[in-house]
Amino acid sequence: MNDNKEKKKINILKGTVVSSKMNKTLVAKTVRTFMHPRFHKIMRSAKKYKVHDEHQEAKVGDMVEFYEGRPKSKTKYMYLKRIIKSNE
């Protein structure tokens, strides 16, 4: 057996906090821009992620960085890495 375990590359996302009313959970919205393959128009799509915030540091409007990890619940599988810019 080969004992060399390859580490999975951590996918880090950036987004703004939309809601932080849940206990140890925040909702972050990421916006992705891409060119439409047929019409060659710049499109924007947004997705919301539930992010685990252990110390409840982030507030609404903050720019945060988060990454994917093992699932905490049915819909929560992202973890807060750091707060990039505070909204205060």
Protein backbone atom coordinates (compact mmCIF):
# COMPACT_ATOMS: atom_id res chain seq x y z
CA MET A 1 0.00 0.00 0.00
CA ASN A 2 1.10 3.52 -0.69
CA ASP A 3 1.00 5.65 2.46
CA ASN A 4 1.44 8.94 0.59
CA LYS A 5 -1.92 10.63 1.01
CA GLU A 6 -2.46 13.50 -1.37
CA LYS A 7 -3.91 16.62 0.18
CA LYS A 8 -7.01 17.99 -1.47
CA LYS A 9 -6.68 21.56 -2.71
CA ILE A 10 -8.76 23.88 -0.53
CA ASN A 11 -11.19 25.94 -2.58
CA ILE A 12 -11.37 29.40 -1.00
CA LEU A 13 -14.35 31.63 -1.85
CA LYS A 14 -15.01 35.30 -1.10
CA GLY A 15 -18.41 36.81 -0.42
CA THR A 16 -20.44 39.32 1.51
CA VAL A 17 -22.46 38.42 4.60
CA VAL A 18 -26.19 38.64 3.92
CA SER A 19 -27.48 37.28 7.24
CA SER A 20 -25.95 36.38 10.60
CA LYS A 21 -29.06 35.74 12.68
CA MET A 22 -28.56 31.98 13.07
CA ASN A 23 -26.54 30.49 15.90
CA LYS A 24 -22.89 29.99 14.78
CA THR A 25 -24.00 30.29 11.13
CA LEU A 26 -23.94 33.07 8.59
CA VAL A 27 -25.17 33.30 5.02
CA ALA A 28 -22.62 34.59 2.51
CA LYS A 29 -23.40 35.59 -1.07
CA THR A 30 -20.82 35.13 -3.83
CA VAL A 31 -21.12 36.69 -7.28
CA ARG A 32 -19.52 35.03 -10.29
CA THR A 33 -19.07 36.68 -13.68
CA PHE A 34 -18.74 34.73 -16.91
CA MET A 35 -19.24 35.16 -20.62
CA HIS A 36 -22.30 33.52 -22.17
CA PRO A 37 -21.07 30.84 -24.60
CA ARG A 38 -23.49 31.71 -27.40
CA PHE A 39 -24.32 35.39 -27.02
CA HIS A 40 -20.90 36.53 -25.70
CA LYS A 41 -22.50 38.75 -23.09
CA ILE A 42 -21.00 39.20 -19.64
CA MET A 43 -23.36 37.49 -17.21
CA ARG A 44 -23.48 37.56 -13.41
CA SER A 45 -24.80 34.80 -11.20
CA ALA A 46 -25.03 34.78 -7.43
CA LYS A 47 -25.08 31.89 -4.99
CA LYS A 48 -25.65 31.85 -1.24
CA TYR A 49 -23.72 29.59 1.11
CA LYS A 50 -24.33 28.78 4.78
CA VAL A 51 -20.99 29.23 6.52
CA HIS A 52 -20.03 27.94 9.98
CA ASP A 53 -18.84 30.83 12.18
CA GLU A 54 -17.69 29.28 15.47
CA HIS A 55 -17.10 32.55 17.37
CA GLN A 56 -19.87 34.58 15.69
CA GLU A 57 -17.45 37.30 14.58
CA ALA A 58 -18.91 38.32 11.20
CA LYS A 59 -21.71 40.86 10.86
CA VAL A 60 -24.02 41.78 7.96
CA GLY A 61 -22.14 43.55 5.15
CA ASP A 62 -18.69 42.15 5.98
CA MET A 63 -16.47 40.72 3.24
CA VAL A 64 -15.45 37.19 4.30
CA GLU A 65 -13.29 34.37 3.03
CA PHE A 66 -14.51 30.79 3.51
CA TYR A 67 -13.64 27.27 2.40
CA GLU A 68 -15.31 23.90 1.89
CA GLY A 69 -14.99 21.19 4.55
CA ARG A 70 -16.84 18.25 5.98
CA PRO A 71 -20.60 18.79 6.35
CA LYS A 72 -21.89 20.22 9.64
CA SER A 73 -25.54 19.75 8.70
CA LYS A 74 -27.78 19.10 5.70
CA THR A 75 -26.99 22.44 4.03
CA LYS A 76 -23.90 23.73 5.87
CA TYR A 77 -20.50 22.59 4.58
CA MET A 78 -18.49 25.83 4.45
CA TYR A 79 -16.21 27.18 7.19
CA LEU A 80 -15.17 30.78 7.88
CA LYS A 81 -11.47 31.41 7.26
CA ARG A 82 -11.20 35.15 7.95
CA ILE A 83 -12.97 38.47 7.73
CA ILE A 84 -11.43 40.51 4.90
CA LYS A 85 -13.21 43.83 5.45
CA SER A 86 -15.47 44.80 8.31
CA ASN A 87 -18.55 46.91 7.65
CA GLU A 88 -18.16 49.14 10.72
